[in-house]
Amino acid sequence: MAGRVAGKKAFITGGAQGLGAAMARKLAAEGAKVSVADVNLEGAQAVAAEINAAHGAGTAFAFPLDVTKEDQWIFALEEADEAMGGISVLVNNAGISRGGDIESLSLDDWKLVMSVNVDSVFLGTKHALKYMRQHQPGSIVNISSIAGLIAAHNSPSYNASKAAVWLLSKGIALHCAKQGLDIRSNSIHPTFIDTPILDPLRQRFGKAEAEAKLGRQVPLGHIGEPEDIANACLYLASDESKFMTGAELKLDGGISAM
C-alpha cells in the first residue's frame, strides 16, 4: 500500500534531532524521499542512515546547512534536487531560542534568533521555489510556535521571530496562489514539546520537575511529543491538505483556548 506522501521529495532543515528528525522519519515512513539538512552534519548523516536502514538506500540524504547563510542554501538545495530528483516539500524547521526580557536581552542574541528563525524561512523559500515549481503540487511547512501567537514577558526575540514566521507563511501562500502555482504554505504552532530545546530547563529543575512544571501550563496537563508535530507535518505535506494554504495548525494542548 502506497504511503500518504509516496513520490514526494522533502527538504527538512534542523533535521539532526528533535522535530526535524521526527518529521524526516515520518515522511520517509509514508513514502517520501527526504533530505536532512543541519549545521550538525554528523547528526544529519546519522538520521539519514537510520532512515535508509529502515526504508532502503536512497530514501534519505544528508547535507550541511547553516540556515542563515544564503550561499549554503543555494548549494544544499541544488544538491538535494539532484539527489532526490526534485523537491516538492520544504520544511523550514530550524530554530533557536535565547532568554532575556526586553531590557536584558542583548542585541547580538536578538539578531541571532531573528536570523536563524526568520531569515531561514525567507532564504529557504526564496531559493526552493525554483525547484518546487518543477514538481507541483508542492507544500511549504513552516514551524512557528504558539509563542508566535501568544506573548510572554521574558522572550521578546522568540515571540517576535515566531510571529514573523506565522505571517510570512501567509504572504508566501498568497504569492504562490497569485503566481498560479499549486504550492501551498502553512505554519505549525506547537507548545512545549519533548525536544532538546527544553534541555536548559531540565538541567535547572531536573527532567521530571521541568516537564511537570511545563505540563501544568497546558490544559491537557502534559507536554507534547515530536510525533505530534510530525503527524501535522505529514498532513500538510500530503495532498490530503490540498485546499489548505495560508493557514496555521495550533498544536498547543489547549493553551490558546484559554
C-alpha atoms as a PDB file:
ATOM      1  CA  MET A   1       0.000   0.000   0.000  1.00  0.00           C
ATOM      2  CA  ALA A   2       1.441   3.373  -1.043  1.00  0.00           C
ATOM      3  CA  GLY A   3       2.201   5.834   1.739  1.00  0.00           C
ATOM      4  CA  ARG A   4       0.434   9.122   2.243  1.00  0.00           C
ATOM      5  CA  VAL A   5       3.322  11.068   0.693  1.00  0.00           C
ATOM      6  CA  ALA A   6       4.528   8.498  -1.824  1.00  0.00           C
ATOM      7  CA  GLY A   7       6.527  10.239  -4.544  1.00  0.00           C
ATOM      8  CA  LYS A   8       7.093  13.413  -2.531  1.00  0.00           C
ATOM      9  CA  LYS A   9      10.603  14.784  -2.143  1.00  0.00           C
ATOM     10  CA  ALA A  10      11.124  16.736   1.065  1.00  0.00           C
ATOM     11  CA  PHE A  11      13.890  19.055   2.218  1.00  0.00           C
ATOM     12  CA  ILE A  12      13.933  19.460   6.008  1.00  0.00           C
ATOM     13  CA  THR A  13      16.065  21.903   7.994  1.00  0.00           C
ATOM     14  CA  GLY A  14      17.177  21.289  11.561  1.00  0.00           C
ATOM     15  CA  GLY A  15      16.891  17.600  10.780  1.00  0.00           C
ATOM     16  CA  ALA A  16      19.649  16.253  13.004  1.00  0.00           C
ATOM     17  CA  GLN A  17      17.463  15.993  16.093  1.00  0.00           C
ATOM     18  CA  GLY A  18      14.146  16.856  17.693  1.00  0.00           C
ATOM     19  CA  LEU A  19      11.227  17.833  15.488  1.00  0.00           C
ATOM     20  CA  GLY A  20      13.260  17.793  12.284  1.00  0.00           C
ATOM     21  CA  ALA A  21      14.393  14.221  12.778  1.00  0.00           C
ATOM     22  CA  ALA A  22      10.878  13.120  13.747  1.00  0.00           C
ATOM     23  CA  MET A  23       9.389  14.723  10.634  1.00  0.00           C
ATOM     24  CA  ALA A  24      12.045  13.186   8.392  1.00  0.00           C
ATOM     25  CA  ARG A  25      11.342   9.724   9.814  1.00  0.00           C
ATOM     26  CA  LYS A  26       7.573  10.168   9.456  1.00  0.00           C
ATOM     27  CA  LEU A  27       7.673  11.405   5.858  1.00  0.00           C
ATOM     28  CA  ALA A  28      10.078   8.634   4.852  1.00  0.00           C
ATOM     29  CA  ALA A  29       7.890   6.009   6.511  1.00  0.00           C
ATOM     30  CA  GLU A  30       4.968   7.275   4.439  1.00  0.00           C
ATOM     31  CA  GLY A  31       6.778   7.038   1.113  1.00  0.00           C
ATOM     32  CA  ALA A  32       8.730  10.276   0.632  1.00  0.00           C
ATOM     33  CA  LYS A  33      12.376  10.795  -0.142  1.00  0.00           C
ATOM     34  CA  VAL A  34      13.912  13.155   2.397  1.00  0.00           C
ATOM     35  CA  SER A  35      16.918  15.434   2.559  1.00  0.00           C
ATOM     36  CA  VAL A  36      18.024  16.036   6.132  1.00  0.00           C
ATOM     37  CA  ALA A  37      19.851  19.358   6.421  1.00  0.00           C
ATOM     38  CA  ASP A  38      21.557  20.693   9.520  1.00  0.00           C
ATOM     39  CA  VAL A  39      24.564  22.688  10.660  1.00  0.00           C
ATOM     40  CA  ASN A  40      25.358  19.484  12.565  1.00  0.00           C
ATOM     41  CA  LEU A  41      26.230  17.347   9.537  1.00  0.00           C
ATOM     42  CA  GLU A  42      27.217  14.319  11.604  1.00  0.00           C
ATOM     43  CA  GLY A  43      23.817  14.317  13.286  1.00  0.00           C
ATOM     44  CA  ALA A  44      22.040  14.730   9.953  1.00  0.00           C
ATOM     45  CA  GLN A  45      24.027  11.835   8.490  1.00  0.00           C
ATOM     46  CA  ALA A  46      23.068   9.633  11.438  1.00  0.00           C
ATOM     47  CA  VAL A  47      19.361  10.359  10.924  1.00  0.00           C
ATOM     48  CA  ALA A  48      19.649   9.720   7.169  1.00  0.00           C
ATOM     49  CA  ALA A  49      21.499   6.458   7.780  1.00  0.00           C
ATOM     50  CA  GLU A  50      18.800   5.323  10.211  1.00  0.00           C
ATOM     51  CA  ILE A  51      16.088   6.110   7.658  1.00  0.00           C
ATOM     52  CA  ASN A  52      17.927   4.305   4.872  1.00  0.00           C
ATOM     53  CA  ALA A  53      18.401   1.257   7.080  1.00  0.00           C
ATOM     54  CA  ALA A  54      14.664   1.178   7.716  1.00  0.00           C
ATOM     55  CA  HIS A  55      13.356   2.034   4.240  1.00  0.00           C
ATOM     56  CA  GLY A  56      16.126   1.278   1.775  1.00  0.00           C
ATOM     57  CA  ALA A  57      19.166   3.036   0.363  1.00  0.00           C
ATOM     58  CA  GLY A  58      18.386   6.244  -1.494  1.00  0.00           C
ATOM     59  CA  THR A  59      15.452   7.186   0.725  1.00  0.00           C
ATOM     60  CA  ALA A  60      17.331   9.800   2.747  1.00  0.00           C
ATOM     61  CA  PHE A  61      20.242  12.140   2.152  1.00  0.00           C
ATOM     62  CA  ALA A  62      22.146  14.470   4.462  1.00  0.00           C
ATOM     63  CA  PHE A  63      23.503  17.937   3.750  1.00  0.00           C
ATOM     64  CA  PRO A  64      25.365  20.559   5.791  1.00  0.00           C
ATOM     65  CA  LEU A  65      23.410  23.803   6.136  1.00  0.00           C
ATOM     66  CA  ASP A  66      23.733  26.945   8.203  1.00  0.00           C
ATOM     67  CA  VAL A  67      20.271  28.346   7.532  1.00  0.00           C
ATOM     68  CA  THR A  68      21.466  31.938   7.970  1.00  0.00           C
ATOM     69  CA  LYS A  69      23.855  31.677   5.004  1.00  0.00           C
ATOM     70  CA  GLU A  70      22.387  32.266   1.546  1.00  0.00           C
ATOM     71  CA  ASP A  71      25.247  30.590  -0.306  1.00  0.00           C
ATOM     72  CA  GLN A  72      24.807  27.428   1.759  1.00  0.00           C
ATOM     73  CA  TRP A  73      21.079  27.361   0.973  1.00  0.00           C
ATOM     74  CA  ILE A  74      21.780  27.640  -2.743  1.00  0.00           C
ATOM     75  CA  PHE A  75      24.310  24.799  -2.627  1.00  0.00           C
ATOM     76  CA  ALA A  76      22.271  22.464  -0.380  1.00  0.00           C
ATOM     77  CA  LEU A  77      19.072  22.844  -2.398  1.00  0.00           C
ATOM     78  CA  GLU A  78      20.875  22.218  -5.668  1.00  0.00           C
ATOM     79  CA  GLU A  79      22.492  19.096  -4.253  1.00  0.00           C
ATOM     80  CA  ALA A  80      19.218  17.849  -2.759  1.00  0.00           C
ATOM     81  CA  ASP A  81      17.351  18.438  -6.012  1.00  0.00           C
ATOM     82  CA  GLU A  82      19.904  16.334  -7.847  1.00  0.00           C
ATOM     83  CA  ALA A  83      19.982  13.598  -5.198  1.00  0.00           C
ATOM     84  CA  MET A  84      16.203  13.195  -4.884  1.00  0.00           C
ATOM     85  CA  GLY A  85      15.243  14.020  -8.446  1.00  0.00           C
ATOM     86  CA  GLY A  86      13.402  17.150  -7.364  1.00  0.00           C
ATOM     87  CA  ILE A  87      11.980  18.996  -4.384  1.00  0.00           C
ATOM     88  CA  SER A  88       8.242  19.171  -3.728  1.00  0.00           C
ATOM     89  CA  VAL A  89       8.139  19.742   0.038  1.00  0.00           C
ATOM     90  CA  LEU A  90      10.102  22.296   2.060  1.00  0.00           C
ATOM     91  CA  VAL A  91      10.024  22.055   5.851  1.00  0.00           C
ATOM     92  CA  ASN A  92      11.530  25.136   7.491  1.00  0.00           C
ATOM     93  CA  ASN A  93      12.104  23.740  10.958  1.00  0.00           C
ATOM     94  CA  ALA A  94      15.476  25.053  12.171  1.00  0.00           C
ATOM     95  CA  GLY A  95      15.075  27.344  15.147  1.00  0.00           C
ATOM     96  CA  ILE A  96      16.657  28.541  18.380  1.00  0.00           C
ATOM     97  CA  SER A  97      15.697  30.488  21.473  1.00  0.00           C
ATOM     98  CA  ARG A  98      17.572  32.938  23.682  1.00  0.00           C
ATOM     99  CA  GLY A  99      16.277  34.053  27.075  1.00  0.00           C
ATOM    100  CA  GLY A 100      16.106  37.551  28.485  1.00  0.00           C
ATOM    101  CA  ASP A 101      13.442  40.231  28.784  1.00  0.00           C
ATOM    102  CA  ILE A 102      13.407  43.376  26.656  1.00  0.00           C
ATOM    103  CA  GLU A 103      15.909  45.125  28.956  1.00  0.00           C
ATOM    104  CA  SER A 104      18.357  42.253  29.487  1.00  0.00           C
ATOM    105  CA  LEU A 105      18.381  40.602  26.051  1.00  0.00           C
ATOM    106  CA  SER A 106      21.482  41.557  24.073  1.00  0.00           C
ATOM    107  CA  LEU A 107      21.242  42.930  20.553  1.00  0.00           C
ATOM    108  CA  ASP A 108      23.515  40.121  19.360  1.00  0.00           C
ATOM    109  CA  ASP A 109      21.148  37.473  20.741  1.00  0.00           C
ATOM    110  CA  TRP A 110      18.162  39.296  19.232  1.00  0.00           C
ATOM    111  CA  LYS A 111      19.822  39.324  15.818  1.00  0.00           C
ATOM    112  CA  LEU A 112      20.877  35.678  16.080  1.00  0.00           C
ATOM    113  CA  VAL A 113      17.355  34.457  16.910  1.00  0.00           C
ATOM    114  CA  MET A 114      15.812  36.529  14.119  1.00  0.00           C
ATOM    115  CA  SER A 115      18.432  35.286  11.653  1.00  0.00           C
ATOM    116  CA  VAL A 116      18.020  31.589  12.454  1.00  0.00           C
ATOM    117  CA  ASN A 117      14.244  31.644  12.893  1.00  0.00           C
ATOM    118  CA  VAL A 118      13.131  34.141  10.242  1.00  0.00           C
ATOM    119  CA  ASP A 119      15.895  34.723   7.690  1.00  0.00           C
ATOM    120  CA  SER A 120      15.999  30.948   7.213  1.00  0.00           C
ATOM    121  CA  VAL A 121      12.351  30.825   6.113  1.00  0.00           C
ATOM    122  CA  PHE A 122      12.884  33.734   3.731  1.00  0.00           C
ATOM    123  CA  LEU A 123      16.039  32.262   2.219  1.00  0.00           C
ATOM    124  CA  GLY A 124      14.776  28.702   2.078  1.00  0.00           C
ATOM    125  CA  THR A 125      11.522  29.614   0.380  1.00  0.00           C
ATOM    126  CA  LYS A 126      13.140  32.123  -1.981  1.00  0.00           C
ATOM    127  CA  HIS A 127      15.557  29.543  -3.330  1.00  0.00           C
ATOM    128  CA  ALA A 128      13.459  26.365  -3.034  1.00  0.00           C
ATOM    129  CA  LEU A 129      10.594  27.702  -5.164  1.00  0.00           C
ATOM    130  CA  LYS A 130      12.837  27.464  -8.228  1.00  0.00           C
ATOM    131  CA  TYR A 131      12.838  23.675  -7.798  1.00  0.00           C
ATOM    132  CA  MET A 132       9.329  23.297  -6.418  1.00  0.00           C
ATOM    133  CA  ARG A 133       7.845  24.946  -9.500  1.00  0.00           C
ATOM    134  CA  GLN A 134       9.032  21.921 -11.458  1.00  0.00           C
ATOM    135  CA  HIS A 135       7.483  19.390  -9.065  1.00  0.00           C
ATOM    136  CA  GLN A 136       3.959  20.529  -8.302  1.00  0.00           C
ATOM    137  CA  PRO A 137       1.844  20.043  -6.296  1.00  0.00           C
ATOM    138  CA  GLY A 138       4.107  21.302  -3.549  1.00  0.00           C
ATOM    139  CA  SER A 139       3.919  22.230   0.109  1.00  0.00           C
ATOM    140  CA  ILE A 140       5.905  24.572   2.336  1.00  0.00           C
ATOM    141  CA  VAL A 141       5.627  23.755   6.035  1.00  0.00           C
ATOM    142  CA  ASN A 142       6.998  26.390   8.400  1.00  0.00           C
ATOM    143  CA  ILE A 143       7.470  25.525  12.063  1.00  0.00           C
ATOM    144  CA  SER A 144       6.395  28.521  14.085  1.00  0.00           C
ATOM    145  CA  SER A 145       5.239  28.251  17.712  1.00  0.00           C
ATOM    146  CA  ILE A 146       2.314  29.046  19.944  1.00  0.00           C
ATOM    147  CA  ALA A 147       4.764  31.704  21.179  1.00  0.00           C
ATOM    148  CA  GLY A 148       4.244  33.372  17.807  1.00  0.00           C
ATOM    149  CA  LEU A 149       0.586  33.914  18.711  1.00  0.00           C
ATOM    150  CA  ILE A 150       0.760  34.412  22.489  1.00  0.00           C
ATOM    151  CA  ALA A 151       3.393  36.642  24.091  1.00  0.00           C
ATOM    152  CA  ALA A 152       5.404  36.257  27.278  1.00  0.00           C
ATOM    153  CA  HIS A 153       7.252  38.809  29.387  1.00  0.00           C
ATOM    154  CA  ASN A 154      10.666  37.198  29.016  1.00  0.00           C
ATOM    155  CA  SER A 155      11.039  36.022  25.404  1.00  0.00           C
ATOM    156  CA  PRO A 156      10.798  39.012  23.039  1.00  0.00           C
ATOM    157  CA  SER A 157      13.112  37.579  20.388  1.00  0.00           C
ATOM    158  CA  TYR A 158      11.385  34.196  20.274  1.00  0.00           C
ATOM    159  CA  ASN A 159       7.901  35.750  20.290  1.00  0.00           C
ATOM    160  CA  ALA A 160       8.771  38.209  17.543  1.00  0.00           C
ATOM    161  CA  SER A 161      10.595  35.694  15.368  1.00  0.00           C
ATOM    162  CA  LYS A 162       7.856  33.079  15.522  1.00  0.00           C
ATOM    163  CA  ALA A 163       5.171  35.695  14.876  1.00  0.00           C
ATOM    164  CA  ALA A 164       7.157  36.718  11.805  1.00  0.00           C
ATOM    165  CA  VAL A 165       7.220  33.107  10.597  1.00  0.00           C
ATOM    166  CA  TRP A 166       3.434  32.943  11.042  1.00  0.00           C
ATOM    167  CA  LEU A 167       2.712  35.992   8.894  1.00  0.00           C
ATOM    168  CA  LEU A 168       5.471  35.258   6.387  1.00  0.00           C
ATOM    169  CA  SER A 169       3.874  31.859   5.796  1.00  0.00           C
ATOM    170  CA  LYS A 170       0.653  33.607   4.785  1.00  0.00           C
ATOM    171  CA  GLY A 171       2.447  36.013   2.479  1.00  0.00           C
ATOM    172  CA  ILE A 172       4.207  33.101   0.785  1.00  0.00           C
ATOM    173  CA  ALA A 173       0.856  31.339   0.352  1.00  0.00           C
ATOM    174  CA  LEU A 174      -0.639  34.375  -1.351  1.00  0.00           C
ATOM    175  CA  HIS A 175       2.425  34.836  -3.561  1.00  0.00           C
ATOM    176  CA  CYS A 176       2.235  31.242  -4.797  1.00  0.00           C
ATOM    177  CA  ALA A 177      -1.512  31.498  -5.408  1.00  0.00           C
ATOM    178  CA  LYS A 178      -1.085  34.792  -7.278  1.00  0.00           C
ATOM    179  CA  GLN A 179       1.573  33.137  -9.444  1.00  0.00           C
ATOM    180  CA  GLY A 180      -0.848  30.339 -10.281  1.00  0.00           C
ATOM    181  CA  LEU A 181       1.361  27.773  -8.562  1.00  0.00           C
ATOM    182  CA  ASP A 182      -0.008  24.647  -6.919  1.00  0.00           C
ATOM    183  CA  ILE A 183       2.313  25.222  -3.978  1.00  0.00           C
ATOM    184  CA  ARG A 184       0.816  25.758  -0.548  1.00  0.00           C
ATOM    185  CA  SER A 185       2.319  27.390   2.532  1.00  0.00           C
ATOM    186  CA  ASN A 186       1.158  26.811   6.098  1.00  0.00           C
ATOM    187  CA  SER A 187       2.577  27.087   9.595  1.00  0.00           C
ATOM    188  CA  ILE A 188       2.560  24.766  12.604  1.00  0.00           C
ATOM    189  CA  HIS A 189       2.400  26.206  16.122  1.00  0.00           C
ATOM    190  CA  PRO A 190       3.490  23.790  18.844  1.00  0.00           C
ATOM    191  CA  THR A 191       3.659  24.438  22.556  1.00  0.00           C
ATOM    192  CA  PHE A 192       6.241  22.697  24.780  1.00  0.00           C
ATOM    193  CA  ILE A 193       7.457  19.558  23.012  1.00  0.00           C
ATOM    194  CA  ASP A 194       9.864  16.911  24.308  1.00  0.00           C
ATOM    195  CA  THR A 195      12.915  18.033  22.326  1.00  0.00           C
ATOM    196  CA  PRO A 196      16.415  19.308  23.167  1.00  0.00           C
ATOM    197  CA  ILE A 197      15.119  22.912  23.255  1.00  0.00           C
ATOM    198  CA  LEU A 198      13.841  22.078  26.761  1.00  0.00           C
ATOM    199  CA  ASP A 199      17.252  20.874  27.974  1.00  0.00           C
ATOM    200  CA  PRO A 200      18.197  24.132  29.779  1.00  0.00           C
ATOM    201  CA  LEU A 201      15.045  23.854  31.880  1.00  0.00           C
ATOM    202  CA  ARG A 202      15.670  20.160  32.530  1.00  0.00           C
ATOM    203  CA  GLN A 203      19.182  20.951  33.677  1.00  0.00           C
ATOM    204  CA  ARG A 204      17.864  23.597  36.027  1.00  0.00           C
ATOM    205  CA  PHE A 205      14.994  21.677  37.637  1.00  0.00           C
ATOM    206  CA  GLY A 206      15.588  18.038  36.693  1.00  0.00           C
ATOM    207  CA  LYS A 207      13.725  16.218  33.928  1.00  0.00           C
ATOM    208  CA  ALA A 208      10.608  15.183  35.861  1.00  0.00           C
ATOM    209  CA  GLU A 209      10.052  18.523  37.603  1.00  0.00           C
ATOM    210  CA  ALA A 210      10.796  20.567  34.472  1.00  0.00           C
ATOM    211  CA  GLU A 211       8.290  18.613  32.368  1.00  0.00           C
ATOM    212  CA  ALA A 212       5.710  18.664  35.152  1.00  0.00           C
ATOM    213  CA  LYS A 213       6.172  22.420  35.519  1.00  0.00           C
ATOM    214  CA  LEU A 214       5.576  22.938  31.811  1.00  0.00           C
ATOM    215  CA  GLY A 215       2.698  20.455  31.768  1.00  0.00           C
ATOM    216  CA  ARG A 216       0.856  22.457  34.421  1.00  0.00           C
ATOM    217  CA  GLN A 217       0.625  25.332  31.938  1.00  0.00           C
ATOM    218  CA  VAL A 218      -1.104  23.125  29.358  1.00  0.00           C
ATOM    219  CA  PRO A 219      -4.858  22.415  29.685  1.00  0.00           C
ATOM    220  CA  LEU A 220      -4.298  18.788  28.635  1.00  0.00           C
ATOM    221  CA  GLY A 221      -1.836  18.500  31.505  1.00  0.00           C
ATOM    222  CA  HIS A 222       1.361  17.399  29.735  1.00  0.00           C
ATOM    223  CA  ILE A 223       3.890  18.457  27.133  1.00  0.00           C
ATOM    224  CA  GLY A 224       3.726  17.187  23.572  1.00  0.00           C
ATOM    225  CA  GLU A 225       5.806  14.613  21.732  1.00  0.00           C
ATOM    226  CA  PRO A 226       7.748  15.079  18.468  1.00  0.00           C
ATOM    227  CA  GLU A 227       5.379  12.564  16.863  1.00  0.00           C
ATOM    228  CA  ASP A 228       2.509  15.025  17.376  1.00  0.00           C
ATOM    229  CA  ILE A 229       4.239  17.599  15.206  1.00  0.00           C
ATOM    230  CA  ALA A 230       5.435  15.005  12.703  1.00  0.00           C
ATOM    231  CA  ASN A 231       1.832  13.922  12.155  1.00  0.00           C
ATOM    232  CA  ALA A 232       0.806  17.506  11.416  1.00  0.00           C
ATOM    233  CA  CYS A 233       3.706  17.882   9.003  1.00  0.00           C
ATOM    234  CA  LEU A 234       2.661  14.687   7.258  1.00  0.00           C
ATOM    235  CA  TYR A 235      -0.852  16.058   6.721  1.00  0.00           C
ATOM    236  CA  LEU A 236       0.425  19.372   5.348  1.00  0.00           C
ATOM    237  CA  ALA A 237       2.993  17.692   3.108  1.00  0.00           C
ATOM    238  CA  SER A 238       0.403  15.322   1.675  1.00  0.00           C
ATOM    239  CA  ASP A 239      -2.243  16.036  -0.925  1.00  0.00           C
ATOM    240  CA  GLU A 240      -4.836  15.494   1.811  1.00  0.00           C
ATOM    241  CA  SER A 241      -4.381  19.187   2.633  1.00  0.00           C
ATOM    242  CA  LYS A 242      -4.627  20.338  -0.998  1.00  0.00           C
ATOM    243  CA  PHE A 243      -7.174  23.096  -0.172  1.00  0.00           C
ATOM    244  CA  MET A 244      -5.286  24.418   2.861  1.00  0.00           C
ATOM    245  CA  THR A 245      -2.927  27.341   2.413  1.00  0.00           C
ATOM    246  CA  GLY A 246      -2.100  30.471   4.369  1.00  0.00           C
ATOM    247  CA  ALA A 247      -3.353  28.732   7.491  1.00  0.00           C
ATOM    248  CA  GLU A 248      -1.955  27.634  10.835  1.00  0.00           C
ATOM    249  CA  LEU A 249      -2.215  24.450  12.867  1.00  0.00           C
ATOM    250  CA  LYS A 250      -2.079  25.047  16.619  1.00  0.00           C
ATOM    251  CA  LEU A 251      -0.783  22.010  18.495  1.00  0.00           C
ATOM    252  CA  ASP A 252      -0.743  23.541  21.943  1.00  0.00           C
ATOM    253  CA  GLY A 253      -2.724  21.283  24.234  1.00  0.00           C
ATOM    254  CA  GLY A 254      -5.391  23.961  24.539  1.00  0.00           C
ATOM    255  CA  ILE A 255      -3.222  26.894  25.703  1.00  0.00           C
ATOM    256  CA  SER A 256      -4.542  29.283  23.058  1.00  0.00           C
ATOM    257  CA  ALA A 257      -8.133  28.492  24.018  1.00  0.00           C
ATOM    258  CA  MET A 258      -7.702  29.975  27.487  1.00  0.00           C
END
